[in-house]
Amino acid sequence: MALGLIRMSKITHPSKFVQVFQRARAEGYLLTMHCDVNQHDSVSHIWQVVRDMGVHRIDHGVNAIEDKNLCDEIKRRSLALTICPISNGYVADGTKSEVIAAMLQAGMRVTVNSDDPAYFPGYMNENLIRVQEEVDLGEAGIVQLAENAFESAWLPRATKDRYIAELKAYAG
């Protein structure tokens, strides 16, 4: 089961939702929290999401790169980060493609996604193309982003394994 997203604004602290997330976890939901780029206290909010909320996935979360210990904890927990480069370009100082590259290099489970294409024109392919144009991840980097996406999906393990095997066979 998936839980609807709660968007963080610059005045909303994730800790306000601890009880909601505890209840959702107890009821068997998988948890995602939205942590927009470059918000007031972004790193502190991401720490709250990781420690207090116990999420499985963080939407956006690019500011985690500002704290090595936070990156290490996200990696240790195998948390997914769903980053949307084109929308970052509309709301921040660029797409943050270099952050995606750094997170991949650090072994984090970073993914590239689209963010409401009606508002931020670009579907997933356009987002992947933009990242590749800006930081040239090479084939291995693009394949890793795709594998991370399958690992981050809330699918049965056997289904993930099948898709990842197909991806690796395709990539050769």
N, C-alpha and C. Protein backbone atom coordinates (compact mmCIF):
# COMPACT_ATOMS: atom_id res chain seq x y z
N MET A 1 0.84 -1.18 0.00
CA MET A 1 0.00 0.00 0.00
C MET A 1 0.89 1.24 0.00
N ALA A 2 0.42 2.29 -0.59
CA ALA A 2 1.17 3.54 -0.65
C ALA A 2 0.40 4.62 0.09
N LEU A 3 1.14 5.51 0.72
CA LEU A 3 0.54 6.62 1.44
C LEU A 3 0.63 7.86 0.58
N GLY A 4 -0.43 8.65 0.58
CA GLY A 4 -0.40 9.91 -0.14
C GLY A 4 0.72 10.78 0.36
N LEU A 5 1.19 11.66 -0.46
CA LEU A 5 2.33 12.49 -0.13
C LEU A 5 1.91 13.69 0.70
N ILE A 6 2.80 14.09 1.58
CA ILE A 6 2.62 15.33 2.33
C ILE A 6 3.71 16.26 1.87
N ARG A 7 3.34 17.40 1.30
CA ARG A 7 4.33 18.35 0.80
C ARG A 7 4.81 19.24 1.93
N MET A 8 6.13 19.45 1.95
CA MET A 8 6.73 20.29 2.96
C MET A 8 6.88 21.71 2.42
N SER A 9 6.38 22.65 3.14
CA SER A 9 6.62 24.04 2.78
C SER A 9 7.67 24.58 3.73
N LYS A 10 8.05 25.83 3.54
CA LYS A 10 9.10 26.36 4.40
C LYS A 10 8.63 26.57 5.84
N ILE A 11 7.36 26.43 6.12
CA ILE A 11 6.91 26.58 7.50
C ILE A 11 6.36 25.28 8.09
N THR A 12 6.35 24.20 7.32
CA THR A 12 5.84 22.93 7.80
C THR A 12 6.99 22.01 8.14
N HIS A 13 7.05 21.56 9.36
CA HIS A 13 8.11 20.66 9.80
C HIS A 13 7.59 19.23 9.75
N PRO A 14 8.38 18.31 9.21
CA PRO A 14 7.95 16.91 9.12
C PRO A 14 7.52 16.34 10.46
N SER A 15 8.15 16.77 11.53
CA SER A 15 7.83 16.21 12.85
C SER A 15 6.36 16.42 13.23
N LYS A 16 5.68 17.37 12.60
CA LYS A 16 4.25 17.57 12.87
C LYS A 16 3.42 16.35 12.48
N PHE A 17 3.97 15.50 11.61
CA PHE A 17 3.22 14.38 11.06
C PHE A 17 3.67 13.02 11.61
N VAL A 18 4.47 13.01 12.66
CA VAL A 18 5.01 11.75 13.19
C VAL A 18 3.88 10.77 13.53
N GLN A 19 2.87 11.23 14.23
CA GLN A 19 1.78 10.32 14.63
C GLN A 19 1.03 9.77 13.42
N VAL A 20 0.82 10.59 12.43
CA VAL A 20 0.14 10.14 11.20
C VAL A 20 0.96 9.04 10.55
N PHE A 21 2.26 9.25 10.45
CA PHE A 21 3.12 8.26 9.81
C PHE A 21 3.25 6.99 10.66
N GLN A 22 3.27 7.13 11.97
CA GLN A 22 3.30 5.94 12.84
C GLN A 22 2.05 5.10 12.62
N ARG A 23 0.92 5.75 12.54
CA ARG A 23 -0.33 5.02 12.32
C ARG A 23 -0.32 4.36 10.93
N ALA A 24 0.11 5.11 9.93
CA ALA A 24 0.16 4.55 8.57
C ALA A 24 1.08 3.32 8.52
N ARG A 25 2.24 3.42 9.18
CA ARG A 25 3.17 2.29 9.22
C ARG A 25 2.51 1.10 9.90
N ALA A 26 1.84 1.34 11.03
CA ALA A 26 1.17 0.27 11.77
C ALA A 26 0.07 -0.40 10.93
N GLU A 27 -0.52 0.36 10.03
CA GLU A 27 -1.57 -0.18 9.16
C GLU A 27 -1.00 -0.81 7.88
N GLY A 28 0.33 -0.84 7.76
CA GLY A 28 0.96 -1.53 6.65
C GLY A 28 1.28 -0.70 5.43
N TYR A 29 1.15 0.61 5.54
CA TYR A 29 1.45 1.47 4.40
C TYR A 29 2.96 1.65 4.24
N LEU A 30 3.40 1.83 3.01
CA LEU A 30 4.77 2.21 2.72
C LEU A 30 4.80 3.73 2.69
N LEU A 31 5.88 4.31 3.15
CA LEU A 31 5.89 5.74 3.42
C LEU A 31 6.84 6.54 2.53
N THR A 32 6.31 7.63 2.02
CA THR A 32 7.08 8.60 1.25
C THR A 32 6.78 9.98 1.81
N MET A 33 7.80 10.81 1.90
CA MET A 33 7.57 12.20 2.26
C MET A 33 8.26 13.09 1.24
N HIS A 34 7.60 14.17 0.93
CA HIS A 34 8.04 15.15 -0.05
C HIS A 34 8.91 16.19 0.64
N CYS A 35 10.15 16.35 0.20
CA CYS A 35 11.07 17.35 0.76
C CYS A 35 11.61 18.19 -0.40
N ASP A 36 10.93 19.28 -0.69
CA ASP A 36 11.29 20.13 -1.83
C ASP A 36 12.70 20.67 -1.72
N VAL A 37 13.23 21.02 -2.86
CA VAL A 37 14.59 21.55 -2.97
C VAL A 37 14.68 22.95 -2.38
N ASN A 38 15.77 23.20 -1.68
CA ASN A 38 16.16 24.52 -1.19
C ASN A 38 15.11 25.22 -0.33
N GLN A 39 14.42 24.46 0.48
CA GLN A 39 13.48 25.06 1.42
C GLN A 39 14.23 25.47 2.69
N HIS A 40 13.63 26.32 3.50
CA HIS A 40 14.22 26.72 4.78
C HIS A 40 14.43 25.46 5.62
N ASP A 41 15.63 25.27 6.14
CA ASP A 41 15.98 24.12 6.98
C ASP A 41 15.83 22.78 6.25
N SER A 42 16.11 22.74 4.97
CA SER A 42 15.94 21.52 4.18
C SER A 42 16.66 20.32 4.78
N VAL A 43 17.90 20.48 5.15
CA VAL A 43 18.68 19.35 5.67
C VAL A 43 18.08 18.86 6.98
N SER A 44 17.71 19.77 7.84
CA SER A 44 17.06 19.40 9.11
C SER A 44 15.76 18.64 8.85
N HIS A 45 14.99 19.10 7.90
CA HIS A 45 13.73 18.42 7.56
C HIS A 45 13.99 17.01 7.03
N ILE A 46 15.00 16.86 6.19
CA ILE A 46 15.30 15.53 5.66
C ILE A 46 15.74 14.61 6.80
N TRP A 47 16.53 15.12 7.74
CA TRP A 47 16.90 14.31 8.91
C TRP A 47 15.64 13.87 9.67
N GLN A 48 14.69 14.77 9.86
CA GLN A 48 13.44 14.40 10.55
C GLN A 48 12.70 13.30 9.80
N VAL A 49 12.67 13.43 8.49
CA VAL A 49 11.98 12.45 7.65
C VAL A 49 12.64 11.07 7.80
N VAL A 50 13.96 11.06 7.85
CA VAL A 50 14.70 9.80 7.96
C VAL A 50 14.58 9.23 9.37
N ARG A 51 14.89 10.02 10.37
CA ARG A 51 14.92 9.52 11.76
C ARG A 51 13.52 9.35 12.36
N ASP A 52 12.72 10.39 12.31
CA ASP A 52 11.45 10.41 13.04
C ASP A 52 10.31 9.76 12.28
N MET A 53 10.31 9.91 10.96
CA MET A 53 9.20 9.40 10.17
C MET A 53 9.45 7.96 9.71
N GLY A 54 10.71 7.61 9.53
CA GLY A 54 11.04 6.27 9.08
C GLY A 54 10.51 5.95 7.69
N VAL A 55 10.63 6.91 6.79
CA VAL A 55 10.10 6.73 5.43
C VAL A 55 10.91 5.69 4.66
N HIS A 56 10.29 5.21 3.59
CA HIS A 56 10.96 4.29 2.67
C HIS A 56 11.52 5.03 1.46
N ARG A 57 10.96 6.20 1.22
CA ARG A 57 11.34 6.95 0.02
C ARG A 57 11.17 8.44 0.32
N ILE A 58 12.06 9.25 -0.26
CA ILE A 58 12.01 10.71 -0.10
C ILE A 58 11.85 11.32 -1.49
N ASP A 59 10.76 12.05 -1.68
CA ASP A 59 10.59 12.76 -2.94
C ASP A 59 11.45 14.02 -2.91
N HIS A 60 12.24 14.16 -3.93
CA HIS A 60 13.21 15.24 -4.08
C HIS A 60 14.38 14.99 -3.13
N GLY A 61 14.55 15.75 -2.08
CA GLY A 61 15.60 15.48 -1.10
C GLY A 61 17.01 15.78 -1.55
N VAL A 62 17.18 16.58 -2.61
CA VAL A 62 18.53 16.82 -3.12
C VAL A 62 19.42 17.54 -2.11
N ASN A 63 18.84 18.27 -1.18
CA ASN A 63 19.66 18.98 -0.20
C ASN A 63 20.37 18.05 0.77
N ALA A 64 20.03 16.79 0.76
CA ALA A 64 20.76 15.81 1.59
C ALA A 64 22.24 15.84 1.29
N ILE A 65 22.60 16.17 0.06
CA ILE A 65 24.00 16.19 -0.36
C ILE A 65 24.83 17.15 0.48
N GLU A 66 24.19 18.09 1.15
CA GLU A 66 24.89 19.08 1.96
C GLU A 66 25.41 18.52 3.27
N ASP A 67 25.03 17.29 3.62
CA ASP A 67 25.42 16.69 4.90
C ASP A 67 25.86 15.25 4.65
N LYS A 68 27.17 15.02 4.73
CA LYS A 68 27.71 13.68 4.45
C LYS A 68 27.11 12.63 5.36
N ASN A 69 26.92 12.96 6.63
CA ASN A 69 26.34 11.98 7.56
C ASN A 69 24.91 11.63 7.16
N LEU A 70 24.16 12.61 6.68
CA LEU A 70 22.81 12.34 6.21
C LEU A 70 22.85 11.44 4.98
N CYS A 71 23.75 11.73 4.06
CA CYS A 71 23.89 10.87 2.88
C CYS A 71 24.25 9.44 3.29
N ASP A 72 25.15 9.32 4.24
CA ASP A 72 25.54 7.98 4.72
C ASP A 72 24.35 7.25 5.33
N GLU A 73 23.52 7.97 6.07
CA GLU A 73 22.36 7.34 6.71
C GLU A 73 21.31 6.94 5.67
N ILE A 74 21.08 7.79 4.70
CA ILE A 74 20.15 7.46 3.62
C ILE A 74 20.65 6.22 2.88
N LYS A 75 21.94 6.18 2.62
CA LYS A 75 22.52 5.02 1.95
C LYS A 75 22.41 3.77 2.83
N ARG A 76 22.73 3.89 4.10
CA ARG A 76 22.66 2.74 5.02
C ARG A 76 21.26 2.14 5.05
N ARG A 77 20.26 3.00 5.01
CA ARG A 77 18.87 2.54 5.06
C ARG A 77 18.33 2.17 3.67
N SER A 78 19.13 2.33 2.64
CA SER A 78 18.72 2.06 1.26
C SER A 78 17.45 2.84 0.89
N LEU A 79 17.39 4.07 1.34
CA LEU A 79 16.24 4.91 1.02
C LEU A 79 16.37 5.45 -0.40
N ALA A 80 15.26 5.52 -1.06
CA ALA A 80 15.24 6.05 -2.42
C ALA A 80 15.00 7.55 -2.39
N LEU A 81 15.61 8.24 -3.33
CA LEU A 81 15.38 9.67 -3.54
C LEU A 81 14.85 9.83 -4.96
N THR A 82 13.67 10.40 -5.07
CA THR A 82 13.03 10.59 -6.38
C THR A 82 13.23 12.04 -6.80
N ILE A 83 14.24 12.27 -7.61
CA ILE A 83 14.63 13.63 -7.99
C ILE A 83 14.07 13.99 -9.36
N CYS A 84 13.59 15.21 -9.47
CA CYS A 84 12.93 15.69 -10.69
C CYS A 84 13.70 16.90 -11.23
N PRO A 85 14.67 16.65 -12.10
CA PRO A 85 15.55 17.73 -12.55
C PRO A 85 14.86 18.91 -13.22
N ILE A 86 13.93 18.66 -14.12
CA ILE A 86 13.31 19.77 -14.84
C ILE A 86 12.56 20.68 -13.87
N SER A 87 11.81 20.11 -12.95
CA SER A 87 11.10 20.97 -11.99
C SER A 87 12.08 21.69 -11.09
N ASN A 88 13.21 21.06 -10.75
CA ASN A 88 14.24 21.76 -9.96
C ASN A 88 14.67 23.04 -10.68
N GLY A 89 14.80 22.95 -12.00
CA GLY A 89 15.20 24.12 -12.77
C GLY A 89 14.22 25.27 -12.70
N TYR A 90 12.97 24.97 -12.40
CA TYR A 90 11.95 26.01 -12.27
C TYR A 90 11.91 26.63 -10.88
N VAL A 91 12.29 25.85 -9.87
CA VAL A 91 12.12 26.32 -8.48
C VAL A 91 13.44 26.53 -7.75
N ALA A 92 14.55 26.20 -8.38
CA ALA A 92 15.85 26.32 -7.72
C ALA A 92 16.87 26.88 -8.70
N ASP A 93 18.09 26.86 -8.29
CA ASP A 93 19.18 27.39 -9.12
C ASP A 93 19.75 26.31 -10.04
N GLY A 94 18.90 25.71 -10.83
CA GLY A 94 19.33 24.70 -11.78
C GLY A 94 18.67 23.36 -11.52
N THR A 95 18.98 22.40 -12.37
CA THR A 95 18.33 21.10 -12.34
C THR A 95 18.84 20.17 -11.24
N LYS A 96 19.99 20.47 -10.71
CA LYS A 96 20.65 19.64 -9.69
C LYS A 96 21.17 18.33 -10.28
N SER A 97 21.42 18.33 -11.59
CA SER A 97 21.98 17.13 -12.22
C SER A 97 23.30 16.73 -11.60
N GLU A 98 24.11 17.72 -11.22
CA GLU A 98 25.40 17.41 -10.60
C GLU A 98 25.21 16.72 -9.25
N VAL A 99 24.11 17.02 -8.57
CA VAL A 99 23.81 16.35 -7.30
C VAL A 99 23.43 14.89 -7.58
N ILE A 100 22.67 14.67 -8.62
CA ILE A 100 22.32 13.29 -9.00
C ILE A 100 23.59 12.50 -9.27
N ALA A 101 24.51 13.09 -10.02
CA ALA A 101 25.78 12.41 -10.32
C ALA A 101 26.56 12.13 -9.04
N ALA A 102 26.61 13.09 -8.13
CA ALA A 102 27.33 12.90 -6.87
C ALA A 102 26.69 11.81 -6.01
N MET A 103 25.35 11.79 -5.99
CA MET A 103 24.66 10.77 -5.21
C MET A 103 24.88 9.38 -5.81
N LEU A 104 24.87 9.28 -7.13
CA LEU A 104 25.18 8.01 -7.78
C LEU A 104 26.60 7.57 -7.42
N GLN A 105 27.54 8.50 -7.51
CA GLN A 105 28.94 8.22 -7.20
C GLN A 105 29.08 7.74 -5.75
N ALA A 106 28.25 8.28 -4.86
CA ALA A 106 28.30 7.89 -3.44
C ALA A 106 27.57 6.57 -3.17
N GLY A 107 26.93 6.01 -4.20
CA GLY A 107 26.23 4.74 -4.02
C GLY A 107 24.85 4.87 -3.42
N MET A 108 24.27 6.08 -3.51
CA MET A 108 22.92 6.29 -2.98
C MET A 108 21.89 5.81 -4.00
N ARG A 109 20.70 5.49 -3.53
CA ARG A 109 19.61 5.00 -4.39
C ARG A 109 18.83 6.20 -4.94
N VAL A 110 19.48 6.95 -5.80
CA VAL A 110 18.88 8.12 -6.42
C VAL A 110 18.17 7.68 -7.70
N THR A 111 17.04 8.32 -7.99
CA THR A 111 16.29 8.05 -9.21
C THR A 111 15.95 9.37 -9.87
N VAL A 112 15.63 9.30 -11.16
CA VAL A 112 15.20 10.48 -11.91
C VAL A 112 13.75 10.28 -12.30
N ASN A 113 12.94 11.29 -12.06
CA ASN A 113 11.50 11.22 -12.28
C ASN A 113 10.99 12.50 -12.92
N SER A 114 9.73 12.49 -13.28
CA SER A 114 9.08 13.72 -13.73
C SER A 114 8.24 14.22 -12.57
N ASP A 115 7.99 15.50 -12.58
CA ASP A 115 7.24 16.12 -11.48
C ASP A 115 6.09 16.92 -12.09
N ASP A 116 4.93 16.30 -12.16
CA ASP A 116 3.72 16.96 -12.65
C ASP A 116 3.97 17.68 -13.98
N PRO A 117 4.07 16.90 -15.08
CA PRO A 117 4.39 17.50 -16.38
C PRO A 117 3.44 18.60 -16.84
N ALA A 118 2.25 18.70 -16.27
CA ALA A 118 1.36 19.80 -16.64
C ALA A 118 1.93 21.14 -16.19
N TYR A 119 2.70 21.14 -15.10
CA TYR A 119 3.29 22.37 -14.58
C TYR A 119 4.75 22.52 -14.96
N PHE A 120 5.47 21.41 -14.98
CA PHE A 120 6.90 21.40 -15.28
C PHE A 120 7.11 20.54 -16.52
N PRO A 121 7.09 21.14 -17.70
CA PRO A 121 7.04 20.36 -18.94
C PRO A 121 8.24 19.42 -19.09
N GLY A 122 7.95 18.17 -19.01
CA GLY A 122 8.96 17.14 -19.20
C GLY A 122 8.56 15.87 -18.50
N TYR A 123 8.45 14.82 -19.27
CA TYR A 123 8.18 13.50 -18.71
C TYR A 123 9.51 12.86 -18.32
N MET A 124 9.47 11.63 -17.90
CA MET A 124 10.67 10.98 -17.38
C MET A 124 11.81 10.97 -18.40
N ASN A 125 11.50 10.64 -19.65
CA ASN A 125 12.57 10.60 -20.65
C ASN A 125 13.25 11.95 -20.79
N GLU A 126 12.48 13.02 -20.82
CA GLU A 126 13.06 14.36 -20.93
C GLU A 126 13.95 14.68 -19.72
N ASN A 127 13.54 14.22 -18.55
CA ASN A 127 14.35 14.43 -17.36
C ASN A 127 15.67 13.66 -17.44
N LEU A 128 15.60 12.42 -17.89
CA LEU A 128 16.83 11.62 -18.05
C LEU A 128 17.75 12.23 -19.10
N ILE A 129 17.17 12.67 -20.21
CA ILE A 129 17.97 13.30 -21.27
C ILE A 129 18.65 14.55 -20.73
N ARG A 130 17.92 15.36 -19.98
CA ARG A 130 18.50 16.60 -19.43
C ARG A 130 19.69 16.28 -18.52
N VAL A 131 19.54 15.30 -17.66
CA VAL A 131 20.64 14.93 -16.77
C VAL A 131 21.84 14.46 -17.60
N GLN A 132 21.59 13.60 -18.57
CA GLN A 132 22.68 13.08 -19.40
C GLN A 132 23.39 14.20 -20.15
N GLU A 133 22.62 15.16 -20.66
CA GLU A 133 23.24 16.29 -21.37
C GLU A 133 24.09 17.14 -20.43
N GLU A 134 23.66 17.28 -19.20
CA GLU A 134 24.36 18.18 -18.27
C GLU A 134 25.55 17.54 -17.58
N VAL A 135 25.49 16.25 -17.28
CA VAL A 135 26.59 15.65 -16.52
C VAL A 135 27.15 14.37 -17.13
N ASP A 136 26.62 13.92 -18.25
CA ASP A 136 27.12 12.74 -18.96
C ASP A 136 27.43 11.58 -18.00
N LEU A 137 26.40 10.92 -17.55
CA LEU A 137 26.54 9.79 -16.65
C LEU A 137 27.05 8.54 -17.36
N GLY A 138 26.99 8.57 -18.67
CA GLY A 138 27.38 7.40 -19.43
C GLY A 138 26.33 6.31 -19.31
N GLU A 139 26.52 5.25 -20.09
CA GLU A 139 25.55 4.16 -20.07
C GLU A 139 25.41 3.54 -18.69
N ALA A 140 26.53 3.34 -18.01
CA ALA A 140 26.49 2.71 -16.68
C ALA A 140 25.66 3.54 -15.69
N GLY A 141 25.80 4.86 -15.76
CA GLY A 141 25.03 5.72 -14.86
C GLY A 141 23.55 5.69 -15.14
N ILE A 142 23.20 5.70 -16.42
CA ILE A 142 21.78 5.65 -16.80
C ILE A 142 21.18 4.30 -16.39
N VAL A 143 21.91 3.23 -16.62
CA VAL A 143 21.43 1.90 -16.21
C VAL A 143 21.27 1.86 -14.69
N GLN A 144 22.20 2.46 -13.95
CA GLN A 144 22.08 2.46 -12.49
C GLN A 144 20.86 3.25 -12.04
N LEU A 145 20.57 4.37 -12.68
CA LEU A 145 19.36 5.13 -12.34
C LEU A 145 18.11 4.27 -12.56
N ALA A 146 18.08 3.52 -13.68
CA ALA A 146 16.93 2.66 -13.97
C ALA A 146 16.84 1.53 -12.94
N GLU A 147 17.97 0.93 -12.60
CA GLU A 147 17.96 -0.14 -11.59
C GLU A 147 17.49 0.41 -10.24
N ASN A 148 17.97 1.59 -9.88
CA ASN A 148 17.53 2.22 -8.63
C ASN A 148 16.02 2.43 -8.63
N ALA A 149 15.48 2.81 -9.77
CA ALA A 149 14.03 3.03 -9.87
C ALA A 149 13.28 1.73 -9.62
N PHE A 150 13.75 0.63 -10.20
CA PHE A 150 13.10 -0.66 -9.95
C PHE A 150 13.25 -1.06 -8.48
N GLU A 151 14.43 -0.86 -7.91
CA GLU A 151 14.64 -1.20 -6.50
C GLU A 151 13.75 -0.36 -5.60
N SER A 152 13.44 0.86 -6.02
CA SER A 152 12.63 1.78 -5.21
C SER A 152 11.14 1.59 -5.37
N ALA A 153 10.75 0.88 -6.41
CA ALA A 153 9.32 0.66 -6.68
C ALA A 153 8.74 -0.28 -5.63
N TRP A 154 7.49 -0.06 -5.31
CA TRP A 154 6.82 -0.91 -4.33
C TRP A 154 6.19 -2.09 -5.05
N LEU A 155 7.08 -2.95 -5.52
CA LEU A 155 6.69 -4.16 -6.23
C LEU A 155 7.22 -5.36 -5.46
N PRO A 156 6.63 -6.54 -5.69
CA PRO A 156 7.17 -7.75 -5.06
C PRO A 156 8.62 -7.97 -5.52
N ARG A 157 9.44 -8.55 -4.64
CA ARG A 157 10.86 -8.77 -4.94
C ARG A 157 11.05 -9.51 -6.26
N ALA A 158 10.26 -10.54 -6.50
CA ALA A 158 10.41 -11.32 -7.74
C ALA A 158 10.17 -10.46 -8.97
N THR A 159 9.23 -9.56 -8.90
CA THR A 159 8.94 -8.66 -10.02
C THR A 159 10.11 -7.70 -10.25
N LYS A 160 10.64 -7.14 -9.16
CA LYS A 160 11.80 -6.26 -9.28
C LYS A 160 12.95 -7.02 -9.93
N ASP A 161 13.22 -8.22 -9.43
CA ASP A 161 14.34 -9.01 -9.95
C ASP A 161 14.18 -9.28 -11.44
N ARG A 162 12.96 -9.58 -11.87
CA ARG A 162 12.70 -9.85 -13.29
C ARG A 162 12.99 -8.60 -14.13
N TYR A 163 12.48 -7.45 -13.69
CA TYR A 163 12.71 -6.21 -14.44
C TYR A 163 14.20 -5.84 -14.48
N ILE A 164 14.88 -6.00 -13.36
CA ILE A 164 16.30 -5.67 -13.32
C ILE A 164 17.10 -6.60 -14.23
N ALA A 165 16.74 -7.88 -14.25
CA ALA A 165 17.41 -8.82 -15.15
C ALA A 165 17.18 -8.41 -16.61
N GLU A 166 15.95 -8.02 -16.95
CA GLU A 166 15.67 -7.56 -18.32
C GLU A 166 16.46 -6.30 -18.66
N LEU A 167 16.56 -5.38 -17.71
CA LEU A 167 17.33 -4.17 -17.91
C LEU A 167 18.79 -4.48 -18.18
N LYS A 168 19.37 -5.34 -17.37
CA LYS A 168 20.78 -5.69 -17.53
C LYS A 168 21.03 -6.44 -18.84
N ALA A 169 20.10 -7.31 -19.22
CA ALA A 169 20.24 -8.02 -20.49
C ALA A 169 20.17 -7.03 -21.66
N TYR A 170 19.28 -6.08 -21.58
CA TYR A 170 19.13 -5.07 -22.62
C TYR A 170 20.40 -4.21 -22.73
N ALA A 171 20.91 -3.80 -21.56
CA ALA A 171 22.09 -2.92 -21.54
C ALA A 171 23.35 -3.68 -21.96
N GLY A 172 23.31 -5.00 -21.84
CA GLY A 172 24.41 -5.84 -22.29
C GLY A 172 25.56 -5.75 -21.40
